[in-house]
Structures are given as C-alpha cells and as structure tokens.
Protein backbone atom coordinates (compact mmCIF):
# COMPACT_ATOMS: atom_id res chain seq x y z
CA UNK A 1 22.92 -25.50 20.87
CA UNK A 2 22.78 -28.06 18.08
CA UNK A 3 25.70 -30.47 17.98
CA UNK A 4 28.60 -29.18 15.87
CA UNK A 5 27.30 -25.61 15.84
CA UNK A 6 29.08 -22.64 17.41
CA UNK A 7 28.15 -19.04 18.12
CA UNK A 8 30.18 -16.38 16.34
CA UNK A 9 29.86 -12.61 16.23
CA UNK A 10 29.14 -11.32 12.74
CA UNK A 11 32.23 -9.12 12.87
CA UNK A 12 34.40 -12.23 13.37
CA UNK A 13 33.40 -13.90 10.09
CA UNK A 14 33.29 -11.06 7.54
CA UNK A 15 34.01 -7.43 6.73
CA UNK A 16 31.40 -4.74 7.44
CA UNK A 17 31.60 -1.17 6.17
CA UNK A 18 29.53 1.79 5.06
CA UNK A 19 29.68 3.49 1.69
CA UNK A 20 30.87 6.97 0.78
CA UNK A 21 28.11 8.26 -1.50
CA UNK A 22 25.17 10.59 -0.89
CA UNK A 23 21.59 10.43 -2.14
CA UNK A 24 22.39 13.21 -4.64
CA UNK A 25 24.84 10.84 -6.37
CA UNK A 26 21.96 8.75 -7.72
CA UNK A 27 21.23 9.20 -11.44
CA UNK A 28 18.31 7.81 -13.39
CA UNK A 29 20.23 5.82 -16.02
CA UNK A 30 23.33 4.90 -14.03
CA UNK A 31 25.24 1.75 -14.95
CA UNK A 32 25.49 0.42 -11.40
CA UNK A 33 23.07 -0.36 -8.60
CA UNK A 34 23.05 2.22 -5.82
CA UNK A 35 21.84 1.26 -2.35
CA UNK A 36 20.89 4.01 0.08
CA UNK A 37 18.49 4.20 3.03
CA UNK A 38 15.32 3.62 0.99
CA UNK A 39 13.72 0.33 -0.06
CA UNK A 40 14.11 1.27 -3.74
CA UNK A 41 17.38 0.38 -5.45
CA UNK A 42 18.64 3.44 -7.32
CA UNK A 43 21.34 3.79 -10.00
CA UNK A 44 24.81 5.34 -9.98
CA UNK A 45 27.54 6.14 -12.51
CA UNK A 46 30.23 4.67 -10.24
CA UNK A 47 30.77 1.66 -8.01
CA UNK A 48 32.47 1.24 -4.66
CA UNK A 49 32.18 -2.55 -4.29
CA UNK A 50 32.49 -5.52 -6.65
CA UNK A 51 31.51 -8.63 -4.71
CA UNK A 52 28.72 -10.64 -3.17
CA UNK A 53 27.28 -8.60 -0.32
CA UNK A 54 24.44 -8.35 2.15
CA UNK A 55 23.24 -4.76 2.32
CA UNK A 56 21.32 -3.19 5.21
CA UNK A 57 20.17 0.41 5.44
CA UNK A 58 21.66 2.24 8.40
CA UNK A 59 18.52 4.26 9.03
CA UNK A 60 14.85 3.39 8.81
CA UNK A 61 12.20 1.28 10.46
CA UNK A 62 12.48 -2.32 9.25
CA UNK A 63 16.16 -2.77 8.25
CA UNK A 64 15.39 -5.66 5.92
CA UNK A 65 18.60 -7.02 4.35
CA UNK A 66 19.17 -7.25 0.59
CA UNK A 67 21.54 -9.58 -1.27
CA UNK A 68 23.49 -8.34 -4.27
CA UNK A 69 26.19 -9.80 -6.48
CA UNK A 70 28.40 -7.58 -8.64
CA UNK A 71 29.42 -3.94 -8.80
CA UNK A 72 27.41 -1.46 -6.73
CA UNK A 73 27.51 1.96 -5.11
CA UNK A 74 26.65 2.45 -1.44
CA UNK A 75 25.34 5.35 0.63
CA UNK A 76 27.41 6.52 3.59
CA UNK A 77 24.54 5.54 5.92
CA UNK A 78 24.11 2.04 4.52
CA UNK A 79 26.14 -1.06 5.42
CA UNK A 80 27.71 -3.75 3.23
CA UNK A 81 28.47 -7.15 4.79
CA UNK A 82 30.95 -9.03 2.59
CA UNK A 83 34.22 -10.95 2.23
CA UNK A 84 33.19 -13.85 4.46
CA UNK A 85 35.58 -16.42 5.91
CA UNK A 86 35.96 -19.51 3.72
CA UNK A 87 34.05 -21.66 6.22
CA UNK A 88 31.00 -19.34 6.29
CA UNK A 89 28.42 -19.11 3.49
CA UNK A 90 27.14 -15.60 2.73
CA UNK A 91 23.85 -17.16 1.58
CA UNK A 92 23.45 -18.86 4.96
CA UNK A 93 24.12 -15.61 6.83
CA UNK A 94 21.74 -13.71 4.52
CA UNK A 95 18.89 -16.07 5.33
CA UNK A 96 19.71 -15.86 9.01
CA UNK A 97 19.57 -12.05 8.89
CA UNK A 98 16.18 -12.20 7.14
CA UNK A 99 14.96 -14.28 10.07
CA UNK A 100 16.71 -12.10 12.64
CA UNK A 101 16.09 -8.62 11.18
CA UNK A 102 14.01 -7.66 14.23
CA UNK A 103 17.33 -7.52 16.08
CA UNK A 104 18.23 -4.38 14.14
CA UNK A 105 14.94 -2.73 15.07
CA UNK A 106 15.57 -3.50 18.73
CA UNK A 107 19.13 -2.17 18.90
CA UNK A 108 18.68 0.87 16.61
CA UNK A 109 19.20 4.17 18.41
CA UNK A 110 17.34 7.48 18.09
CA UNK A 111 14.01 8.84 19.27
CA UNK A 112 12.46 9.59 15.87
CA UNK A 113 14.79 8.47 13.06
CA UNK A 114 16.13 5.07 14.08
CA UNK A 115 19.73 4.34 13.05
CA UNK A 116 22.31 1.57 13.34
CA UNK A 117 25.97 1.76 14.31
CA UNK A 118 28.83 -0.45 13.17
CA UNK A 119 28.94 -2.17 16.56
CA UNK A 120 25.37 -3.37 16.11
CA UNK A 121 26.53 -5.46 13.16
CA UNK A 122 29.87 -6.53 14.60
CA UNK A 123 28.35 -7.77 17.87
CA UNK A 124 25.44 -9.67 16.32
CA UNK A 125 25.68 -13.34 17.44
CA UNK A 126 25.10 -15.92 14.71
CA UNK A 127 24.84 -19.71 15.13
CA UNK A 128 27.33 -21.23 12.67
CA UNK A 129 27.07 -24.93 11.74
CA UNK A 130 29.74 -26.72 9.65
CA UNK A 131 29.90 -25.46 6.06
CA UNK A 132 28.22 -28.57 4.53
CA UNK A 133 25.32 -28.08 6.94
CA UNK A 134 25.12 -24.39 5.98
CA UNK A 135 24.88 -25.32 2.31
CA UNK A 136 22.26 -27.97 3.03
CA UNK A 137 20.16 -25.46 4.98
CA UNK A 138 20.43 -22.90 2.16
CA UNK A 139 19.38 -25.51 -0.42
CA UNK A 140 16.35 -26.60 1.62
CA UNK A 141 15.28 -23.01 2.29
CA UNK A 142 15.68 -22.08 -1.38
CA UNK A 143 13.41 -24.94 -2.41
CA UNK A 144 10.90 -24.12 0.31
CA UNK A 145 10.82 -20.39 -0.47
CA UNK A 146 10.53 -21.06 -4.19
CA UNK A 147 7.41 -23.15 -3.53
CA UNK A 148 6.02 -20.46 -1.19
CA UNK A 149 6.71 -17.70 -3.73
CA UNK A 150 4.99 -19.71 -6.45
CA UNK A 151 1.95 -20.29 -4.23
CA UNK A 152 1.85 -16.57 -3.32
CA UNK A 153 2.06 -15.60 -6.98
CA UNK A 154 -0.85 -17.93 -7.78
CA UNK A 155 -2.93 -16.52 -4.91
CA UNK A 156 -2.22 -12.94 -6.00
CA UNK A 157 -3.11 -13.79 -9.60
CA UNK A 158 -6.37 -15.37 -8.45
CA UNK A 159 -7.07 -12.23 -6.41
CA UNK A 160 -6.40 -10.10 -9.51
CA UNK A 161 -8.63 -12.36 -11.63
CA UNK A 162 -11.44 -12.07 -9.08
CA UNK A 163 -11.34 -8.27 -9.17
CA UNK A 164 -11.14 -8.25 -12.96
CA UNK A 165 -14.21 -10.50 -13.12
CA UNK A 166 -16.31 -7.89 -11.34
CA UNK A 167 -14.85 -5.05 -13.43
CA UNK A 168 -15.59 -7.02 -16.60
CA UNK A 169 -19.21 -7.56 -15.56
CA UNK A 170 -19.54 -3.89 -14.64
CA UNK A 171 -18.17 -2.93 -18.04
CA UNK A 172 -20.64 -5.22 -19.77
CA UNK A 173 -23.57 -3.63 -17.93
CA UNK A 174 -22.81 -0.14 -19.22
CA UNK A 175 -21.52 -1.06 -22.66
CA UNK A 176 -24.60 -3.16 -23.46
CA UNK A 177 -27.13 -0.63 -22.21
CA UNK A 178 -29.39 0.47 -25.08
CA UNK A 179 -32.02 3.18 -25.13
CA UNK A 180 -30.83 4.61 -21.84
CA UNK A 181 -31.41 8.30 -21.20
CA UNK A 182 -28.36 10.49 -20.69
CA UNK A 183 -28.49 12.87 -17.73
CA UNK A 184 -26.22 15.07 -15.69
CA UNK A 185 -25.71 14.20 -12.06
CA UNK A 186 -27.45 17.37 -10.94
CA UNK A 187 -30.50 16.21 -12.93
CA UNK A 188 -30.94 13.22 -10.60
CA UNK A 189 -29.89 14.98 -7.39
CA UNK A 190 -31.65 16.48 -4.43
CA UNK A 191 -28.37 18.24 -3.56
CA UNK A 192 -25.24 18.45 -5.69
CA UNK A 193 -22.19 20.59 -4.90
CA UNK A 194 -18.77 20.94 -3.36
CA UNK A 195 -18.11 20.76 0.32
CA UNK A 196 -16.57 23.54 2.40
CA UNK A 197 -13.62 23.45 4.78
CA UNK A 198 -12.80 27.01 5.84
CA UNK A 199 -12.69 26.08 9.50
CA UNK A 200 -9.79 23.85 10.51
CA UNK A 201 -10.95 20.36 11.52
CA UNK A 202 -9.69 18.88 14.74
CA UNK A 203 -8.72 15.40 15.87
CA UNK A 204 -11.44 13.61 17.79
CA UNK A 205 -9.26 13.59 20.91
CA UNK A 206 -8.14 17.20 20.40
CA UNK A 207 -8.94 20.07 22.74
CA UNK A 208 -11.44 21.56 20.31
CA UNK A 209 -12.76 18.34 18.85
CA UNK A 210 -16.40 18.44 17.89
CA UNK A 211 -19.33 16.11 17.42
CA UNK A 212 -19.53 16.37 13.62
CA UNK A 213 -17.49 13.92 11.51
CA UNK A 214 -15.27 15.57 8.90
CA UNK A 215 -14.44 13.33 5.93
CA UNK A 216 -11.14 13.60 4.04
CA UNK A 217 -10.33 12.49 0.49
CA UNK A 218 -8.19 9.63 1.79
CA UNK A 219 -11.13 8.17 3.67
CA UNK A 220 -13.19 8.21 0.48
CA UNK A 221 -10.35 6.64 -1.52
CA UNK A 222 -9.80 3.85 1.02
CA UNK A 223 -13.47 3.09 1.68
CA UNK A 224 -15.02 -0.19 0.64
CA UNK A 225 -18.13 1.41 -0.90
CA UNK A 226 -19.17 3.02 2.40
CA UNK A 227 -17.28 5.55 4.53
CA UNK A 228 -17.59 4.07 8.01
CA UNK A 229 -14.61 5.63 9.81
CA UNK A 230 -13.17 9.11 10.30
CA UNK A 231 -10.31 10.75 12.21
CA UNK A 232 -11.26 14.44 12.00
CA UNK A 233 -14.23 16.36 13.40
CA UNK A 234 -15.90 19.74 13.18
CA UNK A 235 -17.25 21.65 16.15
CA UNK A 236 -20.19 24.08 16.04
CA UNK A 237 -17.98 26.88 14.66
CA UNK A 238 -16.86 24.69 11.78
CA UNK A 239 -20.38 23.48 11.10
CA UNK A 240 -21.62 27.05 10.86
CA UNK A 241 -19.16 27.65 8.01
CA UNK A 242 -19.86 24.34 6.33
CA UNK A 243 -22.87 22.00 6.22
CA UNK A 244 -23.75 18.53 7.39
CA UNK A 245 -24.25 16.17 4.45
CA UNK A 246 -26.75 13.40 5.10
CA UNK A 247 -26.01 9.70 5.46
CA UNK A 248 -26.27 8.15 1.99
CA UNK A 249 -24.53 11.05 0.23
CA UNK A 250 -22.17 9.93 -2.51
CA UNK A 251 -18.75 11.56 -2.04
CA UNK A 252 -16.72 12.17 -5.20
CA UNK A 253 -13.12 13.37 -4.95
CA UNK A 254 -12.16 16.09 -7.43
CA UNK A 255 -8.55 16.69 -6.36
CA UNK A 256 -5.44 14.49 -6.05
CA UNK A 257 -6.99 11.03 -6.67
CA UNK A 258 -9.79 12.14 -8.97
CA UNK A 259 -13.20 10.45 -9.14
CA UNK A 260 -12.80 8.15 -6.15
CA UNK A 261 -16.28 7.52 -4.77
CA UNK A 262 -17.86 6.26 -1.58
CA UNK A 263 -21.19 6.57 0.21
CA UNK A 264 -21.41 8.28 3.61
CA UNK A 265 -22.38 5.84 6.34
CA UNK A 266 -23.33 8.72 8.66
CA UNK A 267 -24.02 12.47 8.52
CA UNK A 268 -20.74 14.32 7.97
CA UNK A 269 -19.03 17.48 6.74
CA UNK A 270 -16.87 17.29 3.61
CA UNK A 271 -14.08 19.56 2.28
CA UNK A 272 -14.12 21.51 -0.98
CA UNK A 273 -11.99 18.78 -2.59
CA UNK A 274 -15.07 16.51 -2.50
CA UNK A 275 -18.37 16.82 -4.34
CA UNK A 276 -21.44 15.70 -2.45
CA UNK A 277 -24.30 14.03 -4.35
CA UNK A 278 -27.59 13.29 -2.60
CA UNK A 279 -29.55 11.18 -5.09
CA UNK A 280 -33.28 11.82 -5.54
CA UNK A 281 -34.79 8.31 -5.13
CA UNK A 282 -37.60 9.28 -7.50
CA UNK A 283 -35.11 9.87 -10.29
CA UNK A 284 -32.32 7.35 -9.72
CA UNK A 285 -31.17 4.52 -7.49
CA UNK A 286 -28.40 5.43 -5.06
CA UNK A 287 -26.42 2.20 -5.51
CA UNK A 288 -26.78 2.28 -9.29
CA UNK A 289 -25.35 5.80 -9.30
CA UNK A 290 -22.43 4.61 -7.19
CA UNK A 291 -21.68 1.74 -9.60
CA UNK A 292 -22.06 4.09 -12.57
CA UNK A 293 -19.41 6.41 -11.15
CA UNK A 294 -17.16 3.43 -10.49
CA UNK A 295 -17.38 2.47 -14.15
CA UNK A 296 -16.74 6.00 -15.45
CA UNK A 297 -13.87 6.70 -13.04
CA UNK A 298 -11.13 6.33 -15.67
CA UNK A 299 -12.95 8.66 -18.07
CA UNK A 300 -13.43 11.26 -15.36
CA UNK A 301 -9.77 11.07 -14.39
CA UNK A 302 -8.81 12.09 -17.93
CA UNK A 303 -10.54 15.44 -17.31
CA UNK A 304 -8.12 16.30 -14.51
CA UNK A 305 -5.86 19.31 -14.91
CA UNK A 306 -3.38 21.11 -12.69
CA UNK A 307 0.32 21.77 -12.23
CA UNK A 308 0.78 20.53 -8.67
CA UNK A 309 -1.97 17.90 -8.68
CA UNK A 310 -4.81 16.96 -11.00
CA UNK A 311 -8.27 18.22 -10.18
CA UNK A 312 -11.68 18.72 -11.77
CA UNK A 313 -13.59 21.91 -11.16
CA UNK A 314 -17.28 21.69 -10.40
CA UNK A 315 -18.26 23.32 -13.69
CA UNK A 316 -16.45 20.69 -15.74
CA UNK A 317 -17.84 17.87 -13.66
CA UNK A 318 -21.46 18.97 -13.56
CA UNK A 319 -21.64 19.21 -17.35
CA UNK A 320 -20.83 15.53 -17.85
CA UNK A 321 -23.65 13.29 -19.09
CA UNK A 322 -24.16 9.71 -17.91
CA UNK A 323 -26.52 6.91 -19.10
CA UNK A 324 -29.48 6.05 -16.87
CA UNK A 325 -32.02 3.27 -17.61
CA UNK A 326 -35.40 3.25 -15.95
CA UNK A 327 -35.41 3.17 -12.15
CA UNK A 328 -36.80 -0.38 -12.24
CA UNK A 329 -33.93 -1.55 -14.47
CA UNK A 330 -31.43 0.27 -12.27
CA UNK A 331 -32.64 -1.68 -9.26
CA UNK A 332 -32.38 -4.97 -11.16
CA UNK A 333 -28.80 -4.14 -12.17
CA UNK A 334 -27.95 -3.23 -8.57
CA UNK A 335 -29.23 -6.60 -7.28
CA UNK A 336 -27.05 -8.40 -9.83
CA UNK A 337 -23.98 -6.29 -9.10
CA UNK A 338 -24.43 -6.55 -5.33
CA UNK A 339 -24.68 -10.35 -5.56
CA UNK A 340 -21.55 -10.60 -7.70
CA UNK A 341 -19.70 -8.11 -5.49
CA UNK A 342 -20.54 -10.15 -2.39
CA UNK A 343 -19.18 -13.32 -4.00
CA UNK A 344 -16.02 -11.64 -5.27
CA UNK A 345 -15.36 -10.15 -1.84
CA UNK A 346 -15.63 -13.63 -0.31
CA UNK A 347 -13.07 -14.91 -2.81
CA UNK A 348 -10.83 -11.89 -2.22
CA UNK A 349 -10.87 -12.60 1.51
CA UNK A 350 -9.87 -16.23 0.86
CA UNK A 351 -6.95 -15.30 -1.39
CA UNK A 352 -5.77 -12.45 0.85
CA UNK A 353 -5.81 -14.81 3.83
CA UNK A 354 -3.82 -17.33 1.81
CA UNK A 355 -1.16 -14.73 0.97
CA UNK A 356 -0.85 -13.79 4.66
CA UNK A 357 -0.68 -17.45 5.69
CA UNK A 358 2.08 -18.16 3.18
CA UNK A 359 4.14 -15.28 4.51
CA UNK A 360 3.62 -16.58 8.05
CA UNK A 361 4.75 -20.00 6.82
CA UNK A 362 7.98 -18.43 5.53
CA UNK A 363 8.64 -16.89 8.95
CA UNK A 364 7.84 -20.17 10.68
CA UNK A 365 10.26 -22.10 8.46
CA UNK A 366 13.04 -19.61 9.21
CA UNK A 367 12.32 -19.73 12.93
CA UNK A 368 12.45 -23.52 13.07
CA UNK A 369 15.61 -23.59 10.96
CA UNK A 370 17.56 -21.28 13.24
CA UNK A 371 16.15 -22.40 16.57
CA UNK A 372 19.26 -23.21 18.55
CA UNK A 373 17.78 -24.17 21.91
C-alpha cells in the first residue's frame, strides 16, 4: 500500500442506487439523458437524478462505467454512483472504475445474461489517497488520455485517408475510361446465376456436417477480396439440391447488404441470396471484374427494394450494363490497382496497429497509476 493511502469499500464513500424507469420510457426527442442497460444513451421526458454520477449497467457483458453531470433518467437495472464524501473525488473513482471494470465481469451472476447486484458495488474495495493526491492523479490522467485520444484520432484519420486514396484511384479508373464497350455480366460469364439453399446447411462439427463448404452473405461481406473461411457445410444431400461453384467464382450479395463482392478461394455452395459469376477469361479479367463491381457497389445498392430488407432480383441485376476495356487494358489496370491495394493495406496495418497500441498504453497507464502493491 502506498504511504498515506487507505482501502475503502465503495459503499462507504458514496451513495449507490438503481433507477425506476423501463426501456419503454425512452422517447426519441426527450429533454433528458436516459441510461439503461445498452451502450447507447437514450432520451427521456423526465429525470430522476440531478448530480454528477458514475453510471454502470446492471446487466450486460462489459459493464463499462459512464460519467454524467446534470439531470438524467435511469433504468431500474442500471446503477448510479453519486453523492461522494467530501474527501473523495468522483473523477478519481471514475478513472479507477474504468481501470477496474473487469471486477464487475468477474462478480456478475447468471449463466447467460450476466447481472450485478447492489452488494457488488458496495463491497468493491478502492484505494483512496489523500484528496490532493486524488486531484493530482486525475489531472495527470486527463492530460495523458487527451494526448492518447489525439494520437488515436490522427491514426484513425490517416487510416481513413489511406482507404479514400484507393477509392479515389478506383473512381478515376472508371470515370476516365473512354471508348470502353458496355456489357452485361452474363455477356462475360461462363456461368451466371443465383445459388440455391433448399437443404439446411450444418455446422462443420455438427452430426450431419458435410465436406462441401457453404458460403453465407456475411462471409462475403467480411471478406478481404477472397472468401477464405466458412462455418457452414453441405453434405451430399444438400449438394444434390444445390451445386458446387468453382474456386474463382465472384460472389455478389443481392439481399440485406446489397452488392458486397468477394472471390471464392475454394469450391463452395452458395445460397439464393448470392449471385455466382464465373468469368470467361477469354472475355474479361477476373480481378478487373471484381474491382469493377467494387466501384459500382453504391449504384447497385440504389436498385434495392423490399419492405423487410433491401434486395435485388436476378432479372434487375442481369440487365445492368458495365464498361469493359480490352482484356489487355483490363490486365494493366489490375496490375496498377493490385500494387496500390497492397501498399494501402500495408499502411492500414500500420495505423490499425497504432490504434491498438495506444489503447494498450491507456490500460497500462491506468494499471501503473492504481498499482497498490
């Protein structure tokens, strides 16, 4: 224990209570902040508290604390920590709880939906230094976190700029193309059509799991150009009702997230919410076609219709015309785009690593600040 510090239970230095409101009490244009069990701060027409408070959801997975000053409404399964003793800084305790939020995850009860009880807050031990030391710690952490936040914002902006650079180059390729021939996708395809998914796919580890990968729209959406992973499979019964699309097939989603594209990295079955396009190499370059669909994604998304979720039917999609230069020029464009994409991905990796490192630095600073042994 550091000299002059003492250990207090949270319940000894402040008041802790839940709210009285329900989720249904939230309204879109409410005058006051409304904290419930979600990460999003909602609005309410009434307030239950008017103070500085630390707020923690009583149910969830991470239990990250929030700080709020002023009038607010509170859900009956959320906790407000407020009205601190005069010799304890709420800002100090807030920063300690950010550092120590894993405690809530460890003590939460429940098999599926984890929840906290009042005793979990009241019994939480907190190292309390003299008030001047608390204020000094808060000041140092504020300065440190401000610098970290600024560095993270710069890294995220650089990441955004890197992605926009590639998108700008891609836009220039297709906007400056002159004398290109317009064609439908089926005009440059060996095979073009929707997948089938009448037979229920199974998990790879399931009792009836098969040997044939089954690709879902989410795996196309989250792919980095190529689909290299899958979680569902078809067995021989499923394959008989579907078909195995060859490695190199371009998958195009036509439901939910429209016009997301990726190239199969292996033979696989696809559902009817995905169009499969096997490009005829005599008529078009596979990678050029992929980049073309990336560029026209926003235009294709505008064609989506539907009440529950947007989708494009095959008839609408197959009647769209796209610009194609000569195969030789396509290959030249692909080499240029591939080179730029490789460089931008290197930069993205650098900036993403920097963002992660800065967040780890924040955790390290908190840990060293509140290390009492």
